[in-house]
PDB file of N, CA and C in Angstrom:
ATOM      1  N   MET A   1    -181.720-119.520 110.443  1.00  0.00           N
ATOM      2  CA  MET A   1    -180.568-120.137 111.041  1.00  0.00           C
ATOM      3  C   MET A   1    -179.321-119.383 110.588  1.00  0.00           C
ATOM      4  N   ARG A   2    -178.464-119.132 111.538  1.00  0.00           N
ATOM      5  CA  ARG A   2    -177.254-118.366 111.264  1.00  0.00           C
ATOM      6  C   ARG A   2    -176.089-119.302 110.970  1.00  0.00           C
ATOM      7  N   LYS A   3    -175.351-119.016 109.928  1.00  0.00           N
ATOM      8  CA  LYS A   3    -174.208-119.838 109.538  1.00  0.00           C
ATOM      9  C   LYS A   3    -173.059-119.580 110.494  1.00  0.00           C
ATOM     10  N   GLN A   4    -172.407-120.665 110.913  1.00  0.00           N
ATOM     11  CA  GLN A   4    -171.308-120.566 111.857  1.00  0.00           C
ATOM     12  C   GLN A   4    -170.043-121.124 111.199  1.00  0.00           C
ATOM     13  N   ILE A   5    -168.958-120.385 111.302  1.00  0.00           N
ATOM     14  CA  ILE A   5    -167.684-120.829 110.761  1.00  0.00           C
ATOM     15  C   ILE A   5    -166.770-121.188 111.924  1.00  0.00           C
ATOM     16  N   ILE A   6    -166.259-122.420 111.884  1.00  0.00           N
ATOM     17  CA  ILE A   6    -165.360-122.889 112.925  1.00  0.00           C
ATOM     18  C   ILE A   6    -164.033-123.229 112.264  1.00  0.00           C
ATOM     19  N   GLN A   7    -162.941-122.743 112.844  1.00  0.00           N
ATOM     20  CA  GLN A   7    -161.616-123.062 112.322  1.00  0.00           C
ATOM     21  C   GLN A   7    -160.892-123.945 113.329  1.00  0.00           C
ATOM     22  N   TYR A   8    -160.219-124.963 112.807  1.00  0.00           N
ATOM     23  CA  TYR A   8    -159.488-125.893 113.651  1.00  0.00           C
ATOM     24  C   TYR A   8    -158.000-125.740 113.382  1.00  0.00           C
ATOM     25  N   THR A   9    -157.191-126.111 114.364  1.00  0.00           N
ATOM     26  CA  THR A   9    -155.752-125.974 114.219  1.00  0.00           C
ATOM     27  C   THR A   9    -155.150-127.090 113.376  1.00  0.00           C
ATOM     28  N   SER A  10    -155.860-128.212 113.250  1.00  0.00           N
ATOM     29  CA  SER A  10    -155.352-129.314 112.434  1.00  0.00           C
ATOM     30  C   SER A  10    -156.533-130.116 111.882  1.00  0.00           C
ATOM     31  N   PRO A  11    -156.299-130.862 110.818  1.00  0.00           N
ATOM     32  CA  PRO A  11    -157.361-131.712 110.276  1.00  0.00           C
ATOM     33  C   PRO A  11    -157.817-132.775 111.275  1.00  0.00           C
ATOM     34  N   ILE A  12    -156.905-133.221 112.130  1.00  0.00           N
ATOM     35  CA  ILE A  12    -157.284-134.228 113.129  1.00  0.00           C
ATOM     36  C   ILE A  12    -158.237-133.624 114.149  1.00  0.00           C
ATOM     37  N   ASP A  13    -157.993-132.387 114.563  1.00  0.00           N
ATOM     38  CA  ASP A  13    -158.909-131.705 115.479  1.00  0.00           C
ATOM     39  C   ASP A  13    -160.288-131.573 114.833  1.00  0.00           C
ATOM     40  N   ALA A  14    -160.307-131.244 113.557  1.00  0.00           N
ATOM     41  CA  ALA A  14    -161.582-131.111 112.837  1.00  0.00           C
ATOM     42  C   ALA A  14    -162.292-132.448 112.773  1.00  0.00           C
ATOM     43  N   LEU A  15    -161.557-133.513 112.475  1.00  0.00           N
ATOM     44  CA  LEU A  15    -162.158-134.839 112.381  1.00  0.00           C
ATOM     45  C   LEU A  15    -162.755-135.272 113.714  1.00  0.00           C
ATOM     46  N   VAL A  16    -162.041-135.034 114.787  1.00  0.00           N
ATOM     47  CA  VAL A  16    -162.532-135.394 116.124  1.00  0.00           C
ATOM     48  C   VAL A  16    -163.796-134.607 116.463  1.00  0.00           C
ATOM     49  N   ALA A  17    -163.804-133.322 116.184  1.00  0.00           N
ATOM     50  CA  ALA A  17    -164.971-132.490 116.489  1.00  0.00           C
ATOM     51  C   ALA A  17    -166.195-132.954 115.702  1.00  0.00           C
ATOM     52  N   VAL A  18    -166.008-133.235 114.421  1.00  0.00           N
ATOM     53  CA  VAL A  18    -167.129-133.684 113.592  1.00  0.00           C
ATOM     54  C   VAL A  18    -167.592-135.068 114.052  1.00  0.00           C
ATOM     55  N   ALA A  19    -166.653-135.949 114.389  1.00  0.00           N
ATOM     56  CA  ALA A  19    -167.010-137.289 114.865  1.00  0.00           C
ATOM     57  C   ALA A  19    -167.832-137.216 116.153  1.00  0.00           C
ATOM     58  N   LYS A  20    -167.509-136.279 117.027  1.00  0.00           N
ATOM     59  CA  LYS A  20    -168.286-136.103 118.264  1.00  0.00           C
ATOM     60  C   LYS A  20    -169.717-135.667 117.946  1.00  0.00           C
ATOM     61  N   ARG A  21    -169.865-134.739 116.983  1.00  0.00           N
ATOM     62  CA  ARG A  21    -171.218-134.310 116.596  1.00  0.00           C
ATOM     63  C   ARG A  21    -171.993-135.471 115.983  1.00  0.00           C
ATOM     64  N   LEU A  22    -171.322-136.268 115.157  1.00  0.00           N
ATOM     65  CA  LEU A  22    -171.987-137.427 114.556  1.00  0.00           C
ATOM     66  C   LEU A  22    -172.429-138.413 115.632  1.00  0.00           C
ATOM     67  N   SER A  23    -171.595-138.616 116.622  1.00  0.00           N
ATOM     68  CA  SER A  23    -171.935-139.523 117.717  1.00  0.00           C
ATOM     69  C   SER A  23    -173.190-139.051 118.461  1.00  0.00           C
ATOM     70  N   THR A  24    -173.312-137.756 118.624  1.00  0.00           N
ATOM     71  CA  THR A  24    -174.501-137.197 119.291  1.00  0.00           C
ATOM     72  C   THR A  24    -175.753-137.480 118.470  1.00  0.00           C
ATOM     73  N   TYR A  25    -175.682-137.231 117.150  1.00  0.00           N
ATOM     74  CA  TYR A  25    -176.833-137.524 116.283  1.00  0.00           C
ATOM     75  C   TYR A  25    -177.191-139.007 116.347  1.00  0.00           C
ATOM     76  N   GLU A  26    -176.177-139.861 116.292  1.00  0.00           N
ATOM     77  CA  GLU A  26    -176.410-141.304 116.293  1.00  0.00           C
ATOM     78  C   GLU A  26    -177.096-141.752 117.578  1.00  0.00           C
ATOM     79  N   SER A  27    -176.663-141.206 118.695  1.00  0.00           N
ATOM     80  CA  SER A  27    -177.273-141.549 119.988  1.00  0.00           C
ATOM     81  C   SER A  27    -178.720-141.078 120.051  1.00  0.00           C
ATOM     82  N   GLN A  28    -178.970-139.875 119.580  1.00  0.00           N
ATOM     83  CA  GLN A  28    -180.320-139.317 119.620  1.00  0.00           C
ATOM     84  C   GLN A  28    -181.283-140.073 118.725  1.00  0.00           C
ATOM     85  N   GLN A  29    -180.807-140.512 117.568  1.00  0.00           N
ATOM     86  CA  GLN A  29    -181.681-141.124 116.567  1.00  0.00           C
ATOM     87  C   GLN A  29    -181.619-142.650 116.544  1.00  0.00           C
ATOM     88  N   GLY A  30    -180.658-143.247 117.247  1.00  0.00           N
ATOM     89  CA  GLY A  30    -180.528-144.699 117.255  1.00  0.00           C
ATOM     90  C   GLY A  30    -180.177-145.265 115.890  1.00  0.00           C
ATOM     91  N   LEU A  31    -179.355-144.533 115.141  1.00  0.00           N
ATOM     92  CA  LEU A  31    -179.009-144.904 113.778  1.00  0.00           C
ATOM     93  C   LEU A  31    -177.587-144.448 113.519  1.00  0.00           C
ATOM     94  N   ASP A  32    -176.759-145.317 112.902  1.00  0.00           N
ATOM     95  CA  ASP A  32    -175.399-144.862 112.620  1.00  0.00           C
ATOM     96  C   ASP A  32    -175.413-143.916 111.421  1.00  0.00           C
ATOM     97  N   SER A  33    -174.387-143.094 111.337  1.00  0.00           N
ATOM     98  CA  SER A  33    -174.336-142.027 110.337  1.00  0.00           C
ATOM     99  C   SER A  33    -174.318-142.553 108.907  1.00  0.00           C
ATOM    100  N   GLU A  34    -173.651-143.663 108.680  1.00  0.00           N
ATOM    101  CA  GLU A  34    -173.592-144.213 107.324  1.00  0.00           C
ATOM    102  C   GLU A  34    -174.981-144.643 106.853  1.00  0.00           C
ATOM    103  N   ALA A  35    -175.721-145.341 107.719  1.00  0.00           N
ATOM    104  CA  ALA A  35    -177.087-145.771 107.374  1.00  0.00           C
ATOM    105  C   ALA A  35    -178.003-144.558 107.208  1.00  0.00           C
ATOM    106  N   PHE A  36    -177.854-143.589 108.109  1.00  0.00           N
ATOM    107  CA  PHE A  36    -178.643-142.364 107.994  1.00  0.00           C
ATOM    108  C   PHE A  36    -178.393-141.688 106.652  1.00  0.00           C
ATOM    109  N   PHE A  37    -177.122-141.515 106.302  1.00  0.00           N
ATOM    110  CA  PHE A  37    -176.774-140.785 105.082  1.00  0.00           C
ATOM    111  C   PHE A  37    -177.309-141.503 103.848  1.00  0.00           C
ATOM    112  N   ASP A  38    -177.260-142.824 103.856  1.00  0.00           N
ATOM    113  CA  ASP A  38    -177.815-143.603 102.752  1.00  0.00           C
ATOM    114  C   ASP A  38    -179.313-143.335 102.610  1.00  0.00           C
ATOM    115  N   GLN A  39    -180.033-143.386 103.717  1.00  0.00           N
ATOM    116  CA  GLN A  39    -181.486-143.123 103.690  1.00  0.00           C
ATOM    117  C   GLN A  39    -181.769-141.686 103.271  1.00  0.00           C
ATOM    118  N   TYR A  40    -180.967-140.762 103.780  1.00  0.00           N
ATOM    119  CA  TYR A  40    -181.166-139.347 103.475  1.00  0.00           C
ATOM    120  C   TYR A  40    -180.967-139.088 101.982  1.00  0.00           C
ATOM    121  N   GLN A  41    -179.906-139.654 101.415  1.00  0.00           N
ATOM    122  CA  GLN A  41    -179.637-139.452  99.995  1.00  0.00           C
ATOM    123  C   GLN A  41    -180.703-140.089  99.106  1.00  0.00           C
ATOM    124  N   ARG A  42    -181.334-141.137  99.585  1.00  0.00           N
ATOM    125  CA  ARG A  42    -182.399-141.798  98.822  1.00  0.00           C
ATOM    126  C   ARG A  42    -183.728-141.055  98.943  1.00  0.00           C
ATOM    127  N   GLY A  43    -183.749-140.001  99.764  1.00  0.00           N
ATOM    128  CA  GLY A  43    -184.979-139.234  99.945  1.00  0.00           C
ATOM    129  C   GLY A  43    -185.965-139.885 100.887  1.00  0.00           C
ATOM    130  N   GLN A  44    -185.488-140.797 101.712  1.00  0.00           N
ATOM    131  CA  GLN A  44    -186.359-141.512 102.643  1.00  0.00           C
ATOM    132  C   GLN A  44    -186.571-140.760 103.948  1.00  0.00           C
ATOM    133  N   LEU A  45    -185.863-139.653 104.119  1.00  0.00           N
ATOM    134  CA  LEU A  45    -185.992-138.832 105.328  1.00  0.00           C
ATOM    135  C   LEU A  45    -186.330-137.407 104.921  1.00  0.00           C
ATOM    136  N   SER A  46    -186.943-136.692 105.835  1.00  0.00           N
ATOM    137  CA  SER A  46    -187.347-135.312 105.553  1.00  0.00           C
ATOM    138  C   SER A  46    -186.137-134.380 105.525  1.00  0.00           C
ATOM    139  N   ASP A  47    -186.384-133.155 105.143  1.00  0.00           N
ATOM    140  CA  ASP A  47    -185.339-132.132 105.114  1.00  0.00           C
ATOM    141  C   ASP A  47    -185.410-131.231 106.339  1.00  0.00           C
ATOM    142  N   GLU A  48    -185.770-131.820 107.473  1.00  0.00           N
ATOM    143  CA  GLU A  48    -185.795-131.011 108.687  1.00  0.00           C
ATOM    144  C   GLU A  48    -184.370-130.592 109.027  1.00  0.00           C
ATOM    145  N   VAL A  49    -184.238-129.524 109.754  1.00  0.00           N
ATOM    146  CA  VAL A  49    -182.939-128.894 110.019  1.00  0.00           C
ATOM    147  C   VAL A  49    -181.923-129.884 110.580  1.00  0.00           C
ATOM    148  N   MET A  50    -182.325-130.688 111.551  1.00  0.00           N
ATOM    149  CA  MET A  50    -181.377-131.618 112.158  1.00  0.00           C
ATOM    150  C   MET A  50    -180.828-132.603 111.124  1.00  0.00           C
ATOM    151  N   PHE A  51    -181.663-133.110 110.239  1.00  0.00           N
ATOM    152  CA  PHE A  51    -181.198-134.050 109.223  1.00  0.00           C
ATOM    153  C   PHE A  51    -180.247-133.376 108.233  1.00  0.00           C
ATOM    154  N   VAL A  52    -180.549-132.151 107.869  1.00  0.00           N
ATOM    155  CA  VAL A  52    -179.668-131.414 106.949  1.00  0.00           C
ATOM    156  C   VAL A  52    -178.302-131.193 107.610  1.00  0.00           C
ATOM    157  N   GLU A  53    -178.306-130.806 108.880  1.00  0.00           N
ATOM    158  CA  GLU A  53    -177.047-130.585 109.589  1.00  0.00           C
ATOM    159  C   GLU A  53    -176.271-131.889 109.747  1.00  0.00           C
ATOM    160  N   TRP A  54    -176.983-132.970 110.046  1.00  0.00           N
ATOM    161  CA  TRP A  54    -176.343-134.279 110.194  1.00  0.00           C
ATOM    162  C   TRP A  54    -175.713-134.701 108.863  1.00  0.00           C
ATOM    163  N   ALA A  55    -176.457-134.552 107.788  1.00  0.00           N
ATOM    164  CA  ALA A  55    -175.940-134.909 106.463  1.00  0.00           C
ATOM    165  C   ALA A  55    -174.710-134.063 106.116  1.00  0.00           C
ATOM    166  N   ASN A  56    -174.757-132.778 106.423  1.00  0.00           N
ATOM    167  CA  ASN A  56    -173.605-131.904 106.156  1.00  0.00           C
ATOM    168  C   ASN A  56    -172.394-132.321 106.989  1.00  0.00           C
ATOM    169  N   ASP A  57    -172.632-132.630 108.263  1.00  0.00           N
ATOM    170  CA  ASP A  57    -171.526-133.069 109.120  1.00  0.00           C
ATOM    171  C   ASP A  57    -170.940-134.387 108.617  1.00  0.00           C
ATOM    172  N   TYR A  58    -171.779-135.312 108.195  1.00  0.00           N
ATOM    173  CA  TYR A  58    -171.272-136.594 107.705  1.00  0.00           C
ATOM    174  C   TYR A  58    -170.473-136.401 106.413  1.00  0.00           C
ATOM    175  N   HIS A  59    -170.995-135.567 105.544  1.00  0.00           N
ATOM    176  CA  HIS A  59    -170.280-135.276 104.294  1.00  0.00           C
ATOM    177  C   HIS A  59    -168.920-134.640 104.608  1.00  0.00           C
ATOM    178  N   HIS A  60    -168.899-133.724 105.548  1.00  0.00           N
ATOM    179  CA  HIS A  60    -167.654-133.068 105.973  1.00  0.00           C
ATOM    180  C   HIS A  60    -166.693-134.098 106.573  1.00  0.00           C
ATOM    181  N   TYR A  61    -167.214-134.997 107.397  1.00  0.00           N
ATOM    182  CA  TYR A  61    -166.417-136.058 108.012  1.00  0.00           C
ATOM    183  C   TYR A  61    -165.735-136.911 106.935  1.00  0.00           C
ATOM    184  N   LEU A  62    -166.512-137.322 105.928  1.00  0.00           N
ATOM    185  CA  LEU A  62    -165.956-138.140 104.851  1.00  0.00           C
ATOM    186  C   LEU A  62    -164.854-137.403 104.104  1.00  0.00           C
ATOM    187  N   HIS A  63    -165.059-136.119 103.862  1.00  0.00           N
ATOM    188  CA  HIS A  63    -164.070-135.307 103.150  1.00  0.00           C
ATOM    189  C   HIS A  63    -162.770-135.188 103.961  1.00  0.00           C
ATOM    190  N   ILE A  64    -162.892-134.876 105.224  1.00  0.00           N
ATOM    191  CA  ILE A  64    -161.708-134.729 106.079  1.00  0.00           C
ATOM    192  C   ILE A  64    -160.960-136.058 106.155  1.00  0.00           C
ATOM    193  N   ARG A  65    -161.694-137.142 106.360  1.00  0.00           N
ATOM    194  CA  ARG A  65    -161.070-138.464 106.460  1.00  0.00           C
ATOM    195  C   ARG A  65    -160.322-138.825 105.180  1.00  0.00           C
ATOM    196  N   LYS A  66    -160.920-138.539 104.049  1.00  0.00           N
ATOM    197  CA  LYS A  66    -160.283-138.829 102.760  1.00  0.00           C
ATOM    198  C   LYS A  66    -158.984-138.033 102.617  1.00  0.00           C
ATOM    199  N   GLU A  67    -159.031-136.758 102.979  1.00  0.00           N
ATOM    200  CA  GLU A  67    -157.835-135.924 102.885  1.00  0.00           C
ATOM    201  C   GLU A  67    -156.727-136.426 103.815  1.00  0.00           C
ATOM    202  N   LEU A  68    -157.092-136.832 105.022  1.00  0.00           N
ATOM    203  CA  LEU A  68    -156.097-137.364 105.959  1.00  0.00           C
ATOM    204  C   LEU A  68    -155.508-138.671 105.445  1.00  0.00           C
ATOM    205  N   GLU A  69    -156.345-139.521 104.874  1.00  0.00           N
ATOM    206  CA  GLU A  69    -155.850-140.782 104.330  1.00  0.00           C
ATOM    207  C   GLU A  69    -154.846-140.541 103.208  1.00  0.00           C
ATOM    208  N   LYS A  70    -155.111-139.546 102.357  1.00  0.00           N
ATOM    209  CA  LYS A  70    -154.164-139.205 101.290  1.00  0.00           C
ATOM    210  C   LYS A  70    -152.832-138.756 101.872  1.00  0.00           C
ATOM    211  N   LYS A  71    -152.888-137.887 102.874  1.00  0.00           N
ATOM    212  CA  LYS A  71    -151.655-137.379 103.490  1.00  0.00           C
ATOM    213  C   LYS A  71    -150.878-138.509 104.170  1.00  0.00           C
ATOM    214  N   LEU A  72    -151.581-139.413 104.806  1.00  0.00           N
ATOM    215  CA  LEU A  72    -150.913-140.522 105.491  1.00  0.00           C
ATOM    216  C   LEU A  72    -150.288-141.498 104.491  1.00  0.00           C
ATOM    217  N   GLN A  73    -150.917-141.630 103.352  1.00  0.00           N
ATOM    218  CA  GLN A  73    -150.389-142.509 102.323  1.00  0.00           C
ATOM    219  C   GLN A  73    -149.008-142.041 101.868  1.00  0.00           C
ATOM    220  N   TYR A  74    -148.868-140.729 101.724  1.00  0.00           N
ATOM    221  CA  TYR A  74    -147.592-140.174 101.291  1.00  0.00           C
ATOM    222  C   TYR A  74    -146.551-140.151 102.401  1.00  0.00           C
ATOM    223  N   ALA A  75    -147.006-140.170 103.654  1.00  0.00           N
ATOM    224  CA  ALA A  75    -146.086-140.122 104.778  1.00  0.00           C
ATOM    225  C   ALA A  75    -145.474-141.496 105.058  1.00  0.00           C
ATOM    226  N   ALA A  76    -146.161-142.547 104.663  1.00  0.00           N
ATOM    227  CA  ALA A  76    -145.696-143.909 104.976  1.00  0.00           C
ATOM    228  C   ALA A  76    -144.601-144.384 104.070  1.00  0.00           C
TER     229      ALA A  76
END
């Protein structure tokens, strides 16, 4: 698998893009990302490529959201 680097013009653009990917995984698997990530971290799911990518996207989503929340806190 080839690593792909994507650059976004803003953190909000990045958050939207990652949220769209998460929505696709959720629709395909019939499971929300938070529940999936909990099961994945507990070792209840395999390390197949799709699960690894989903876990990475969810982790990235949480990081971006946290950073945006910090910035918004200071803006208010």
